[in-house]
Amino acid sequence: MSKRRAAARFRSFALAEHGSMLDLKLAARLTPCPQRSALYLRHAQDESVHARMFAKQANAVRGALGQPSLPAPNADIEGLFEGLGELAFLAFVHLGERRACSLFEAHRDHFARREPQTAKLFDRILADEAQHATYT
């Protein structure tokens, strides 16, 4: 994977994680269940951290290419909880987390020999993603 492509991929991951964070915060506000609200808020916090980690990695790669840094990710809210209802929202999130695990595992494996620090970034995020897939 070229450096330019890697920077773009990290940026797209940052935007996806930021968008998920927004949807989870809204879900936490709208669910009638305090226990699920707490889980959604914890999950949203993790996604916010992941978005920052990916954005930082994207900017590090861009800097190595002599390109300027991009601002923090700012995705739009999709309103999935409201549009789907809570049960379908949880199913959607569950499937998304499982897909993310597969995708991030592939990226971790890709970077394992080339850039061990980048592989470790994916390992840290994968631990959260696996937990998110489990609770949903």
C-alpha atoms as a PDB file:
ATOM      1  CA  MET A   1       0.000   0.000   0.000  1.00  0.00           C
ATOM      2  CA  SER A   2       1.447   3.367  -0.978  1.00  0.00           C
ATOM      3  CA  LYS A   3       1.961   6.061   1.653  1.00  0.00           C
ATOM      4  CA  ARG A   4      -0.666   8.281  -0.014  1.00  0.00           C
ATOM      5  CA  ARG A   5      -3.164   5.449  -0.017  1.00  0.00           C
ATOM      6  CA  ALA A   6      -2.362   4.607   3.598  1.00  0.00           C
ATOM      7  CA  ALA A   7      -2.916   8.232   4.656  1.00  0.00           C
ATOM      8  CA  ALA A   8      -6.270   8.285   2.854  1.00  0.00           C
ATOM      9  CA  ARG A   9      -7.262   4.951   4.414  1.00  0.00           C
ATOM     10  CA  PHE A  10      -6.373   6.131   7.930  1.00  0.00           C
ATOM     11  CA  ARG A  11      -8.375   9.311   7.323  1.00  0.00           C
ATOM     12  CA  SER A  12     -11.410   7.306   6.159  1.00  0.00           C
ATOM     13  CA  PHE A  13     -11.154   5.136   9.278  1.00  0.00           C
ATOM     14  CA  ALA A  14     -11.022   8.288  11.423  1.00  0.00           C
ATOM     15  CA  LEU A  15     -14.174   9.638   9.780  1.00  0.00           C
ATOM     16  CA  ALA A  16     -16.022   6.325  10.168  1.00  0.00           C
ATOM     17  CA  GLU A  17     -15.110   6.076  13.844  1.00  0.00           C
ATOM     18  CA  HIS A  18     -16.165   9.689  14.429  1.00  0.00           C
ATOM     19  CA  GLY A  19     -19.510   9.075  12.720  1.00  0.00           C
ATOM     20  CA  SER A  20     -20.077   5.995  14.871  1.00  0.00           C
ATOM     21  CA  MET A  21     -19.310   8.021  17.979  1.00  0.00           C
ATOM     22  CA  LEU A  22     -21.985  10.552  17.044  1.00  0.00           C
ATOM     23  CA  ASP A  23     -24.618   7.876  16.412  1.00  0.00           C
ATOM     24  CA  LEU A  24     -23.801   6.133  19.685  1.00  0.00           C
ATOM     25  CA  LYS A  25     -24.094   9.366  21.667  1.00  0.00           C
ATOM     26  CA  LEU A  26     -27.514   9.948  20.165  1.00  0.00           C
ATOM     27  CA  ALA A  27     -28.510   6.353  20.919  1.00  0.00           C
ATOM     28  CA  ALA A  28     -27.432   6.850  24.534  1.00  0.00           C
ATOM     29  CA  ARG A  29     -29.721   9.848  24.756  1.00  0.00           C
ATOM     30  CA  LEU A  30     -32.696   8.132  23.119  1.00  0.00           C
ATOM     31  CA  THR A  31     -32.715   4.667  24.641  1.00  0.00           C
ATOM     32  CA  PRO A  32     -35.136   4.194  27.531  1.00  0.00           C
ATOM     33  CA  CYS A  33     -32.713   1.767  29.209  1.00  0.00           C
ATOM     34  CA  PRO A  34     -30.083   3.293  31.528  1.00  0.00           C
ATOM     35  CA  GLN A  35     -27.819   0.230  31.238  1.00  0.00           C
ATOM     36  CA  ARG A  36     -27.768   0.389  27.432  1.00  0.00           C
ATOM     37  CA  SER A  37     -27.260   4.141  27.599  1.00  0.00           C
ATOM     38  CA  ALA A  38     -24.115   3.581  29.670  1.00  0.00           C
ATOM     39  CA  LEU A  39     -22.863   0.947  27.215  1.00  0.00           C
ATOM     40  CA  TYR A  40     -23.494   3.259  24.255  1.00  0.00           C
ATOM     41  CA  LEU A  41     -21.639   6.103  25.971  1.00  0.00           C
ATOM     42  CA  ARG A  42     -18.648   3.884  26.746  1.00  0.00           C
ATOM     43  CA  HIS A  43     -18.645   2.654  23.166  1.00  0.00           C
ATOM     44  CA  ALA A  44     -18.876   6.253  21.899  1.00  0.00           C
ATOM     45  CA  GLN A  45     -15.859   7.178  24.015  1.00  0.00           C
ATOM     46  CA  ASP A  46     -13.855   4.327  22.490  1.00  0.00           C
ATOM     47  CA  GLU A  47     -14.853   5.395  18.972  1.00  0.00           C
ATOM     48  CA  SER A  48     -13.766   8.958  19.712  1.00  0.00           C
ATOM     49  CA  VAL A  49     -10.351   7.704  20.826  1.00  0.00           C
ATOM     50  CA  HIS A  50     -10.070   5.539  17.714  1.00  0.00           C
ATOM     51  CA  ALA A  51     -10.973   8.490  15.478  1.00  0.00           C
ATOM     52  CA  ARG A  52      -8.198  10.561  17.052  1.00  0.00           C
ATOM     53  CA  MET A  53      -5.695   7.700  16.754  1.00  0.00           C
ATOM     54  CA  PHE A  54      -6.453   7.190  13.072  1.00  0.00           C
ATOM     55  CA  ALA A  55      -6.397  10.929  12.369  1.00  0.00           C
ATOM     56  CA  LYS A  56      -3.022  11.229  14.084  1.00  0.00           C
ATOM     57  CA  GLN A  57      -1.680   8.329  12.009  1.00  0.00           C
ATOM     58  CA  ALA A  58      -3.054   9.845   8.796  1.00  0.00           C
ATOM     59  CA  ASN A  59      -1.378  13.157   9.587  1.00  0.00           C
ATOM     60  CA  ALA A  60       1.910  11.442  10.464  1.00  0.00           C
ATOM     61  CA  VAL A  61       1.946   9.740   7.069  1.00  0.00           C
ATOM     62  CA  ARG A  62       0.928  12.972   5.333  1.00  0.00           C
ATOM     63  CA  GLY A  63       3.756  14.779   7.136  1.00  0.00           C
ATOM     64  CA  ALA A  64       6.253  12.170   5.943  1.00  0.00           C
ATOM     65  CA  LEU A  65       5.035  12.890   2.414  1.00  0.00           C
ATOM     66  CA  GLY A  66       5.484  16.640   2.904  1.00  0.00           C
ATOM     67  CA  GLN A  67       1.727  17.238   2.944  1.00  0.00           C
ATOM     68  CA  PRO A  68      -0.043  19.448   5.469  1.00  0.00           C
ATOM     69  CA  SER A  69      -2.023  17.952   8.330  1.00  0.00           C
ATOM     70  CA  LEU A  70      -5.778  17.717   8.055  1.00  0.00           C
ATOM     71  CA  PRO A  71      -8.139  18.992  10.766  1.00  0.00           C
ATOM     72  CA  ALA A  72      -9.727  16.611  13.253  1.00  0.00           C
ATOM     73  CA  PRO A  73     -12.354  14.343  11.696  1.00  0.00           C
ATOM     74  CA  ASN A  74     -15.836  15.764  11.590  1.00  0.00           C
ATOM     75  CA  ALA A  75     -18.399  13.295  10.265  1.00  0.00           C
ATOM     76  CA  ASP A  76     -22.132  13.759   9.989  1.00  0.00           C
ATOM     77  CA  ILE A  77     -24.605  11.929  12.184  1.00  0.00           C
ATOM     78  CA  GLU A  78     -26.647   9.368  10.319  1.00  0.00           C
ATOM     79  CA  GLY A  79     -29.495   9.054  12.821  1.00  0.00           C
ATOM     80  CA  LEU A  80     -29.390   5.271  12.676  1.00  0.00           C
ATOM     81  CA  PHE A  81     -31.018   4.747  16.061  1.00  0.00           C
ATOM     82  CA  GLU A  82     -34.009   6.885  15.113  1.00  0.00           C
ATOM     83  CA  GLY A  83     -34.256   5.481  11.609  1.00  0.00           C
ATOM     84  CA  LEU A  84     -33.827   1.823  12.447  1.00  0.00           C
ATOM     85  CA  GLY A  85     -35.153   1.506  15.973  1.00  0.00           C
ATOM     86  CA  GLU A  86     -33.035   0.143  18.795  1.00  0.00           C
ATOM     87  CA  LEU A  87     -33.035  -3.555  17.911  1.00  0.00           C
ATOM     88  CA  ALA A  88     -32.056  -2.987  14.267  1.00  0.00           C
ATOM     89  CA  PHE A  89     -29.565  -0.320  15.386  1.00  0.00           C
ATOM     90  CA  LEU A  90     -27.833  -2.861  17.643  1.00  0.00           C
ATOM     91  CA  ALA A  91     -27.801  -5.419  14.825  1.00  0.00           C
ATOM     92  CA  PHE A  92     -26.313  -2.813  12.477  1.00  0.00           C
ATOM     93  CA  VAL A  93     -23.645  -1.867  15.020  1.00  0.00           C
ATOM     94  CA  HIS A  94     -22.850  -5.521  15.719  1.00  0.00           C
ATOM     95  CA  LEU A  95     -22.323  -6.300  12.037  1.00  0.00           C
ATOM     96  CA  GLY A  96     -20.278  -3.129  11.600  1.00  0.00           C
ATOM     97  CA  GLU A  97     -18.023  -4.042  14.508  1.00  0.00           C
ATOM     98  CA  ARG A  98     -17.495  -7.547  13.122  1.00  0.00           C
ATOM     99  CA  ARG A  99     -16.609  -6.092   9.709  1.00  0.00           C
ATOM    100  CA  ALA A 100     -14.252  -3.620  11.381  1.00  0.00           C
ATOM    101  CA  CYS A 101     -12.515  -6.475  13.201  1.00  0.00           C
ATOM    102  CA  SER A 102     -11.913  -8.308   9.920  1.00  0.00           C
ATOM    103  CA  LEU A 103     -10.728  -5.173   8.148  1.00  0.00           C
ATOM    104  CA  PHE A 104      -8.475  -4.045  10.979  1.00  0.00           C
ATOM    105  CA  GLU A 105      -6.999  -7.539  11.354  1.00  0.00           C
ATOM    106  CA  ALA A 106      -6.088  -7.500   7.661  1.00  0.00           C
ATOM    107  CA  HIS A 107      -4.477  -4.084   8.042  1.00  0.00           C
ATOM    108  CA  ARG A 108      -2.620  -5.155  11.177  1.00  0.00           C
ATOM    109  CA  ASP A 109      -1.272  -8.191   9.331  1.00  0.00           C
ATOM    110  CA  HIS A 110      -0.284  -6.036   6.353  1.00  0.00           C
ATOM    111  CA  PHE A 111       1.724  -3.673   8.554  1.00  0.00           C
ATOM    112  CA  ALA A 112       3.136  -6.325  10.929  1.00  0.00           C
ATOM    113  CA  ARG A 113       6.505  -6.682   9.163  1.00  0.00           C
ATOM    114  CA  ARG A 114       6.619  -3.323   7.408  1.00  0.00           C
ATOM    115  CA  GLU A 115       5.636  -0.988  10.233  1.00  0.00           C
ATOM    116  CA  PRO A 116       5.297  -2.734  13.612  1.00  0.00           C
ATOM    117  CA  GLN A 117       4.130   0.469  15.362  1.00  0.00           C
ATOM    118  CA  THR A 118       1.239   0.795  12.914  1.00  0.00           C
ATOM    119  CA  ALA A 119       0.374  -2.868  13.498  1.00  0.00           C
ATOM    120  CA  LYS A 120       0.283  -2.144  17.247  1.00  0.00           C
ATOM    121  CA  LEU A 121      -2.150   0.723  16.604  1.00  0.00           C
ATOM    122  CA  PHE A 122      -4.517  -1.757  15.000  1.00  0.00           C
ATOM    123  CA  ASP A 123      -4.013  -4.231  17.867  1.00  0.00           C
ATOM    124  CA  ARG A 124      -5.050  -1.573  20.412  1.00  0.00           C
ATOM    125  CA  ILE A 125      -8.158  -0.696  18.432  1.00  0.00           C
ATOM    126  CA  LEU A 126      -9.023  -4.338  17.726  1.00  0.00           C
ATOM    127  CA  ALA A 127      -9.293  -5.088  21.445  1.00  0.00           C
ATOM    128  CA  ASP A 128     -12.083  -2.493  21.723  1.00  0.00           C
ATOM    129  CA  GLU A 129     -13.761  -3.529  18.480  1.00  0.00           C
ATOM    130  CA  ALA A 130     -13.971  -7.155  19.646  1.00  0.00           C
ATOM    131  CA  GLN A 131     -15.573  -6.034  22.911  1.00  0.00           C
ATOM    132  CA  HIS A 132     -18.065  -3.873  20.997  1.00  0.00           C
ATOM    133  CA  ALA A 133     -19.026  -6.819  18.782  1.00  0.00           C
ATOM    134  CA  THR A 134     -19.523  -8.963  21.886  1.00  0.00           C
ATOM    135  CA  TYR A 135     -21.801  -6.608  23.815  1.00  0.00           C
ATOM    136  CA  THR A 136     -23.954  -5.760  20.796  1.00  0.00           C
END
